Amino acid sequence: MQSLSAATSRASPVFPNRRRYGAIILAEVFHDRCLGNAQCKAVPIVNHLEKRRLIQKAFLRVSGEVADDVTAIDARFAPAWKAVDNYLKYLLGEGVLIPQGLGVILAPAFAKPWNARTLAANQRTGLIQETVQRVGWILGELPEDERAGTTVDQWLQSIHQESGLTYDKALRSEVEAPKIIGEIATIVQMLEGNGPLFYGSAGLPIGNAISRRKAKMEEQAEVRRQRQLLEASRLRHSRRDRLCVDAETELNGEDRSAFLHTKRADMNDMTPVELAEDSESGLTRAREALSVFVSQRRMEAAAASEKADYQDKIRELAEARLSPADAMAFLKAREDDIGAPLQYVKDERTFQKACARLTQWENEFGSPF
């Protein structure tokens, strides 16, 4: 970084630490903006340097006449504000600074990457500090006999096995730091009970803590398994009960039992009850099968009722047109094409055909009257 001596061609006794002052002006004044909203000009900067004790006391307050006389003799003895002003002019000429209002600021070409690096460095520093605090928390969570007097400082000075560096230096390494920070975060999550097991130590005496956490996780897993089994059993009973309620609503006792407990090929040789217990989709299939079964039973009942009506009608006609003995014989006779008329009739078509055969009997055996 350009120093006061370079800006004024020769070393100046005004600034005893001239190697530092240029960097301080750039870093604190222009980068960190330690002057706040004040303009970055020679006099405010000198005031800041004076607070930092970077100016020889003999040159803190020099009258203009004395400064002019001394400078005429030796330019190295220029007053502080003049030296800083020369340095700012030099930086302006090099493009490091640019004018802004009545003052100057750091040029964007330098400010942007510098700000980015500073932000990244601050973030890394923050992560390191957080990690060190977490190590302190971890040690505080361990029983005293397991901690065995281990402190954060001792951990920082212990050796990181993968790199061979101390943890203090490894945390400042761009290569090793992310891994160590991640490991410490994982250990914290494990000890808090909301993270996975950590298989390692990260230089900490946590072997027994890992074993305890593993046992606790296994216990919690068994509790969850038992709850899942109970819930699965509850759901099976719920699905079975829902199907049975539907069946009780739609079917009588004999039909209900026949439907619920008969194994079916279309249900992989399971009964409807077993299929319903198996899953929600199984319950849906069982209910669909129940609907079909109920429809079939209703159709069969309707057909049986219609058949009984036509049986009554053919019986009444036979008894009206034949003698009692012939009527009984007709109703039970095995006709070649229809069989026994009483069993044959079931609808209008079969009834009409039986009536035609009754007419033949009537013609052959005559009316009983």
Protein backbone atom coordinates (compact mmCIF):
# COMPACT_ATOMS: atom_id res chain seq x y z
CA MET A 1 0.00 0.00 0.00
CA GLN A 2 1.36 3.46 -0.88
CA SER A 3 2.87 5.01 2.28
CA LEU A 4 3.32 8.61 3.32
CA SER A 5 6.99 8.46 2.33
CA ALA A 6 6.09 7.36 -1.20
CA ALA A 7 3.50 10.09 -1.51
CA THR A 8 5.97 12.74 -0.36
CA SER A 9 9.07 11.14 -1.93
CA ARG A 10 10.95 10.75 1.36
CA ALA A 11 10.22 9.31 4.83
CA SER A 12 8.46 11.70 7.22
CA PRO A 13 9.03 11.90 10.97
CA VAL A 14 5.45 13.19 11.29
CA PHE A 15 4.21 9.56 11.27
CA PRO A 16 6.38 7.19 13.35
CA ASN A 17 4.40 4.18 12.07
CA ARG A 18 4.34 5.22 8.44
CA ARG A 19 4.07 1.59 7.22
CA ARG A 20 0.75 1.25 8.96
CA TYR A 21 -0.83 4.60 8.44
CA GLY A 22 -1.66 4.19 4.74
CA ALA A 23 -3.40 0.87 5.32
CA ILE A 24 -5.27 2.33 8.31
CA ILE A 25 -6.54 5.24 6.24
CA LEU A 26 -7.84 2.89 3.52
CA ALA A 27 -9.22 0.25 5.87
CA GLU A 28 -10.71 2.37 8.66
CA VAL A 29 -11.60 5.59 6.91
CA PHE A 30 -12.64 4.48 3.46
CA HIS A 31 -13.64 0.82 3.95
CA ASP A 32 -15.03 0.79 7.50
CA ARG A 33 -16.24 4.43 7.22
CA CYS A 34 -15.14 5.24 10.76
CA LEU A 35 -15.80 8.94 10.10
CA GLY A 36 -19.50 8.22 9.59
CA ASN A 37 -21.15 10.82 7.39
CA ALA A 38 -18.24 13.25 7.70
CA GLN A 39 -16.40 14.00 4.46
CA CYS A 40 -13.22 12.03 3.95
CA LYS A 41 -10.84 14.97 3.74
CA ALA A 42 -7.38 15.60 5.15
CA VAL A 43 -8.31 17.33 8.41
CA PRO A 44 -10.97 14.80 9.61
CA ILE A 45 -8.59 11.97 8.68
CA VAL A 46 -5.76 13.60 10.66
CA ASN A 47 -8.08 13.90 13.66
CA HIS A 48 -8.76 10.17 13.42
CA LEU A 49 -5.05 9.36 13.12
CA GLU A 50 -4.39 11.58 16.12
CA LYS A 51 -6.86 9.49 18.16
CA ARG A 52 -5.01 6.41 17.01
CA ARG A 53 -1.75 8.05 18.20
CA LEU A 54 -0.13 7.73 14.79
CA ILE A 55 1.16 11.32 14.70
CA GLN A 56 4.24 12.51 16.56
CA LYS A 57 3.21 14.84 19.37
CA ALA A 58 5.61 17.47 18.15
CA PHE A 59 3.64 17.75 14.91
CA LEU A 60 0.10 17.72 16.39
CA ARG A 61 -0.22 21.49 16.38
CA VAL A 62 2.13 23.40 14.10
CA SER A 63 1.40 27.01 13.11
CA GLY A 64 1.19 27.82 9.45
CA GLU A 65 4.25 30.12 9.59
CA VAL A 66 6.40 27.50 11.30
CA ALA A 67 5.15 24.80 8.91
CA ASP A 68 5.96 26.91 5.88
CA ASP A 69 9.42 27.79 7.17
CA VAL A 70 10.23 24.20 8.13
CA THR A 71 8.82 22.76 4.91
CA ALA A 72 10.92 25.16 2.90
CA ILE A 73 13.97 23.73 4.61
CA ASP A 74 12.90 20.01 4.53
CA ALA A 75 9.66 18.68 2.94
CA ARG A 76 9.70 15.73 5.31
CA PHE A 77 8.52 18.05 8.07
CA ALA A 78 5.28 19.03 6.32
CA PRO A 79 2.33 19.25 8.75
CA ALA A 80 0.16 16.16 9.15
CA TRP A 81 -2.81 17.51 7.24
CA LYS A 82 -0.56 18.34 4.31
CA ALA A 83 1.00 14.88 4.29
CA VAL A 84 -2.45 13.24 4.33
CA ASP A 85 -3.67 15.59 1.62
CA ASN A 86 -0.71 14.61 -0.58
CA TYR A 87 -1.48 10.93 0.06
CA LEU A 88 -5.13 11.38 -0.93
CA LYS A 89 -4.09 13.14 -4.11
CA TYR A 90 -1.77 10.26 -4.91
CA LEU A 91 -4.60 7.71 -4.42
CA LEU A 92 -6.86 9.80 -6.61
CA GLY A 93 -4.24 9.78 -9.32
CA GLU A 94 -3.91 6.01 -9.08
CA GLY A 95 -7.70 5.52 -9.34
CA VAL A 96 -7.97 4.00 -5.87
CA LEU A 97 -10.15 6.92 -4.75
CA ILE A 98 -12.69 8.97 -6.69
CA PRO A 99 -14.19 12.40 -5.90
CA GLN A 100 -17.61 12.58 -4.25
CA GLY A 101 -19.01 15.97 -3.35
CA LEU A 102 -16.35 17.90 -1.47
CA GLY A 103 -14.58 14.70 -0.39
CA VAL A 104 -13.41 11.40 -1.83
CA ILE A 105 -14.53 7.76 -1.58
CA LEU A 106 -13.07 4.38 -2.39
CA ALA A 107 -13.48 3.54 -6.09
CA PRO A 108 -16.11 0.81 -6.77
CA ALA A 109 -13.50 -1.36 -8.48
CA PHE A 110 -11.77 -1.65 -5.10
CA ALA A 111 -14.75 -1.23 -2.77
CA LYS A 112 -16.96 -4.04 -4.16
CA PRO A 113 -14.47 -6.95 -3.97
CA TRP A 114 -13.15 -5.64 -0.65
CA ASN A 115 -16.67 -5.51 0.79
CA ALA A 116 -17.36 -9.02 -0.50
CA ARG A 117 -14.19 -10.39 1.08
CA THR A 118 -14.92 -8.60 4.34
CA LEU A 119 -18.46 -9.99 4.43
CA ALA A 120 -17.20 -13.52 3.78
CA ALA A 121 -14.53 -13.13 6.45
CA ASN A 122 -17.08 -11.85 8.95
CA GLN A 123 -19.37 -14.76 8.20
CA ARG A 124 -16.54 -17.23 8.68
CA THR A 125 -15.58 -15.52 11.93
CA GLY A 126 -19.20 -15.69 13.09
CA LEU A 127 -19.41 -19.40 12.29
CA ILE A 128 -16.16 -20.09 14.11
CA GLN A 129 -17.32 -18.20 17.19
CA GLU A 130 -20.66 -20.01 17.11
CA THR A 131 -18.89 -23.37 16.80
CA VAL A 132 -16.63 -22.61 19.77
CA GLN A 133 -19.71 -21.68 21.81
CA ARG A 134 -21.37 -24.94 20.76
CA VAL A 135 -18.32 -26.90 21.90
CA GLY A 136 -18.71 -25.22 25.29
CA TRP A 137 -22.38 -26.22 25.35
CA ILE A 138 -21.54 -29.83 24.44
CA LEU A 139 -18.97 -30.08 27.22
CA GLY A 140 -21.50 -28.59 29.62
CA GLU A 141 -24.01 -31.32 28.71
CA LEU A 142 -21.60 -34.14 29.56
CA PRO A 143 -21.37 -35.62 33.07
CA GLU A 144 -18.30 -34.39 34.92
CA ASP A 145 -16.64 -37.81 34.99
CA GLU A 146 -16.97 -38.10 31.20
CA ARG A 147 -15.83 -34.55 30.57
CA ALA A 148 -12.72 -35.27 32.66
CA GLY A 149 -11.90 -31.59 32.97
CA THR A 150 -11.85 -30.96 29.21
CA THR A 151 -12.25 -27.26 28.42
CA VAL A 152 -12.91 -25.36 25.22
CA ASP A 153 -9.34 -24.04 25.22
CA GLN A 154 -7.98 -27.57 25.56
CA TRP A 155 -10.14 -28.69 22.66
CA LEU A 156 -8.91 -25.80 20.51
CA GLN A 157 -5.31 -26.82 21.17
CA SER A 158 -5.93 -30.55 20.58
CA ILE A 159 -5.06 -32.12 17.25
CA HIS A 160 -7.56 -32.47 14.44
CA GLN A 161 -6.71 -35.97 13.22
CA GLU A 162 -7.56 -35.48 9.55
CA SER A 163 -5.41 -32.40 9.04
CA GLY A 164 -2.81 -32.72 11.77
CA LEU A 165 -3.56 -29.11 12.73
CA THR A 166 -4.87 -27.94 16.06
CA TYR A 167 -8.61 -27.39 16.05
CA ASP A 168 -7.90 -23.68 16.49
CA LYS A 169 -5.93 -23.59 13.22
CA ALA A 170 -8.19 -26.10 11.44
CA LEU A 171 -11.19 -23.85 12.13
CA ARG A 172 -9.39 -21.07 10.28
CA SER A 173 -8.68 -23.32 7.31
CA GLU A 174 -11.05 -22.92 4.38
CA VAL A 175 -10.71 -26.66 3.71
CA GLU A 176 -11.17 -28.09 7.21
CA ALA A 177 -13.47 -25.49 8.81
CA PRO A 178 -16.72 -26.45 7.00
CA LYS A 179 -16.30 -30.11 8.01
CA ILE A 180 -15.59 -29.33 11.65
CA ILE A 181 -18.42 -26.79 11.87
CA GLY A 182 -20.83 -29.35 10.37
CA GLU A 183 -19.67 -32.08 12.77
CA ILE A 184 -20.13 -29.89 15.84
CA ALA A 185 -23.59 -28.83 14.64
CA THR A 186 -24.55 -32.50 14.16
CA ILE A 187 -23.35 -33.37 17.68
CA VAL A 188 -25.47 -30.55 19.12
CA GLN A 189 -28.55 -31.79 17.24
CA MET A 190 -27.90 -35.34 18.48
CA LEU A 191 -27.59 -34.25 22.11
CA GLU A 192 -30.71 -32.11 21.80
CA GLY A 193 -32.56 -35.22 20.67
CA ASN A 194 -33.61 -34.01 17.24
CA GLY A 195 -30.79 -35.19 15.01
CA PRO A 196 -29.13 -38.41 13.78
CA LEU A 197 -26.40 -40.32 15.58
CA PHE A 198 -22.92 -38.92 15.10
CA TYR A 199 -20.34 -41.57 14.33
CA GLY A 200 -17.12 -39.94 15.43
CA SER A 201 -15.91 -37.65 18.19
CA ALA A 202 -14.69 -34.36 16.64
CA GLY A 203 -12.04 -34.41 19.35
CA LEU A 204 -14.65 -34.42 22.14
CA PRO A 205 -15.25 -37.09 24.86
CA ILE A 206 -18.73 -38.01 23.60
CA GLY A 207 -18.49 -41.82 23.26
CA ASN A 208 -20.85 -42.53 26.16
CA ALA A 209 -23.17 -39.75 25.06
CA ILE A 210 -23.49 -41.41 21.65
CA SER A 211 -24.27 -44.77 23.31
CA ARG A 212 -26.94 -43.16 25.47
CA ARG A 213 -28.48 -41.41 22.50
CA LYS A 214 -28.47 -44.66 20.50
CA ALA A 215 -30.26 -46.50 23.30
CA LYS A 216 -32.78 -43.69 23.60
CA MET A 217 -33.43 -43.71 19.86
CA GLU A 218 -33.98 -47.49 19.94
CA GLU A 219 -36.40 -47.06 22.85
CA GLN A 220 -38.25 -44.33 20.99
CA ALA A 221 -38.34 -46.47 17.84
CA GLU A 222 -39.89 -49.36 19.81
CA VAL A 223 -42.49 -47.02 21.31
CA ARG A 224 -43.33 -45.77 17.81
CA ARG A 225 -43.54 -49.35 16.54
CA GLN A 226 -45.96 -50.35 19.30
CA ARG A 227 -48.06 -47.27 18.62
CA GLN A 228 -48.10 -48.11 14.94
CA LEU A 229 -49.19 -51.67 15.71
CA LEU A 230 -51.99 -50.41 17.95
CA GLU A 231 -53.06 -47.89 15.34
CA ALA A 232 -52.98 -50.54 12.61
CA SER A 233 -55.11 -52.83 14.78
CA ARG A 234 -57.55 -50.01 15.48
CA LEU A 235 -57.84 -49.25 11.79
CA ARG A 236 -58.39 -52.95 10.96
CA HIS A 237 -61.19 -53.18 13.51
CA SER A 238 -62.65 -49.90 12.27
CA ARG A 239 -62.75 -51.10 8.65
CA ARG A 240 -64.24 -54.45 9.67
CA ASP A 241 -66.91 -52.75 11.78
CA ARG A 242 -67.81 -50.35 8.97
CA LEU A 243 -68.33 -53.25 6.57
CA CYS A 244 -70.35 -55.22 9.13
CA VAL A 245 -72.61 -52.23 9.80
CA ASP A 246 -73.26 -51.90 6.05
CA ALA A 247 -73.99 -55.63 5.82
CA GLU A 248 -76.37 -55.54 8.80
CA THR A 249 -78.25 -52.68 7.16
CA GLU A 250 -78.66 -54.48 3.83
CA LEU A 251 -78.85 -58.21 4.62
CA ASN A 252 -80.60 -60.59 6.98
CA GLY A 253 -78.65 -62.84 9.33
CA GLU A 254 -78.21 -65.85 7.03
CA ASP A 255 -77.30 -63.86 3.93
CA ARG A 256 -75.08 -61.56 5.99
CA SER A 257 -73.04 -64.40 7.40
CA ALA A 258 -72.80 -66.07 4.00
CA PHE A 259 -71.47 -62.90 2.43
CA LEU A 260 -69.06 -61.78 5.15
CA HIS A 261 -67.36 -65.11 5.83
CA THR A 262 -67.19 -66.85 2.46
CA LYS A 263 -63.81 -66.89 0.75
CA ARG A 264 -63.92 -65.57 -2.79
CA ALA A 265 -61.61 -66.15 -5.74
CA ASP A 266 -61.96 -62.51 -6.83
CA MET A 267 -60.62 -61.50 -3.41
CA ASN A 268 -57.49 -63.67 -3.52
CA ASP A 269 -59.26 -66.38 -1.51
CA MET A 270 -59.99 -63.93 1.28
CA THR A 271 -63.38 -63.32 2.87
CA PRO A 272 -64.88 -59.82 2.50
CA VAL A 273 -64.19 -59.24 6.20
CA GLU A 274 -60.53 -60.15 5.77
CA LEU A 275 -60.23 -57.97 2.68
CA ALA A 276 -61.79 -55.00 4.49
CA GLU A 277 -59.44 -55.42 7.46
CA ASP A 278 -56.43 -55.45 5.13
CA SER A 279 -56.67 -51.86 3.82
CA GLU A 280 -58.94 -48.97 2.88
CA SER A 281 -58.83 -50.11 -0.74
CA GLY A 282 -59.80 -53.58 0.46
CA LEU A 283 -62.76 -52.09 2.33
CA THR A 284 -63.83 -50.29 -0.83
CA ARG A 285 -63.70 -53.54 -2.83
CA ALA A 286 -65.63 -55.38 -0.12
CA ARG A 287 -68.31 -52.71 -0.10
CA GLU A 288 -68.59 -52.91 -3.89
CA ALA A 289 -68.97 -56.68 -3.61
CA LEU A 290 -71.63 -56.16 -0.92
CA SER A 291 -73.53 -53.83 -3.23
CA VAL A 292 -73.45 -56.44 -5.99
CA PHE A 293 -74.48 -59.19 -3.55
CA VAL A 294 -77.39 -57.11 -2.23
CA SER A 295 -78.55 -56.33 -5.77
CA GLN A 296 -78.44 -60.02 -6.66
CA ARG A 297 -80.41 -60.95 -3.57
CA ARG A 298 -83.01 -58.29 -4.35
CA MET A 299 -83.32 -59.52 -7.92
CA GLU A 300 -83.66 -63.09 -6.68
CA ALA A 301 -86.30 -62.05 -4.15
CA ALA A 302 -88.23 -60.14 -6.78
CA ALA A 303 -88.05 -63.12 -9.17
CA ALA A 304 -89.19 -65.48 -6.40
CA SER A 305 -92.11 -63.21 -5.56
CA GLU A 306 -93.13 -62.99 -9.23
CA LYS A 307 -92.83 -66.76 -9.59
CA ALA A 308 -95.04 -67.29 -6.52
CA ASP A 309 -97.68 -64.97 -7.99
CA TYR A 310 -97.76 -66.89 -11.29
CA GLN A 311 -97.82 -70.20 -9.43
CA ASP A 312 -100.89 -69.02 -7.56
CA LYS A 313 -102.51 -67.94 -10.85
CA ILE A 314 -101.86 -71.26 -12.68
CA ARG A 315 -103.08 -73.20 -9.64
CA GLU A 316 -106.29 -71.19 -9.48
CA LEU A 317 -106.94 -71.69 -13.22
CA ALA A 318 -106.26 -75.43 -13.05
CA GLU A 319 -108.53 -75.88 -10.06
CA ALA A 320 -111.25 -73.85 -11.81
CA ARG A 321 -111.07 -75.74 -15.12
CA LEU A 322 -110.26 -79.31 -14.00
CA SER A 323 -111.38 -81.69 -11.34
CA PRO A 324 -109.38 -81.61 -8.16
CA ALA A 325 -107.57 -84.80 -9.06
CA ASP A 326 -106.89 -83.73 -12.65
CA ALA A 327 -105.84 -80.25 -11.50
CA MET A 328 -103.28 -81.76 -9.11
CA ALA A 329 -102.12 -84.12 -11.85
CA PHE A 330 -101.77 -81.29 -14.34
CA LEU A 331 -99.81 -79.05 -12.02
CA LYS A 332 -97.29 -81.82 -11.27
CA ALA A 333 -97.26 -83.55 -14.65
CA ARG A 334 -93.90 -83.69 -16.47
CA GLU A 335 -94.72 -82.20 -19.84
CA ASP A 336 -92.13 -82.78 -22.57
CA ASP A 337 -91.44 -79.12 -23.30
CA ILE A 338 -92.17 -77.36 -20.01
CA GLY A 339 -91.93 -79.97 -17.29
CA ALA A 340 -94.26 -79.55 -14.31
CA PRO A 341 -96.44 -76.45 -15.00
CA LEU A 342 -96.44 -75.43 -11.34
CA GLN A 343 -92.63 -75.23 -11.28
CA TYR A 344 -92.32 -73.94 -14.84
CA VAL A 345 -94.26 -70.71 -14.52
CA LYS A 346 -92.24 -67.69 -13.42
CA ASP A 347 -93.29 -64.82 -15.69
CA GLU A 348 -95.90 -63.83 -18.23
CA ARG A 349 -94.30 -65.81 -21.08
CA THR A 350 -94.07 -69.08 -19.17
CA PHE A 351 -97.53 -68.51 -17.69
CA GLN A 352 -99.09 -68.19 -21.16
CA LYS A 353 -97.35 -71.36 -22.31
CA ALA A 354 -98.64 -73.25 -19.26
CA CYS A 355 -102.12 -71.87 -19.92
CA ALA A 356 -101.99 -73.33 -23.46
CA ARG A 357 -101.10 -76.73 -22.02
CA LEU A 358 -103.95 -76.37 -19.46
CA THR A 359 -106.36 -75.80 -22.35
CA GLN A 360 -105.23 -79.10 -23.90
CA TRP A 361 -105.91 -80.89 -20.59
CA GLU A 362 -109.25 -79.22 -20.32
CA ASN A 363 -110.20 -80.38 -23.81
CA GLU A 364 -109.06 -83.90 -23.05
CA PHE A 365 -110.44 -84.39 -19.56
CA GLY A 366 -113.30 -81.87 -19.67
CA SER A 367 -114.61 -79.54 -17.08
CA PRO A 368 -115.49 -80.98 -13.73
CA PHE A 369 -118.87 -79.30 -13.95
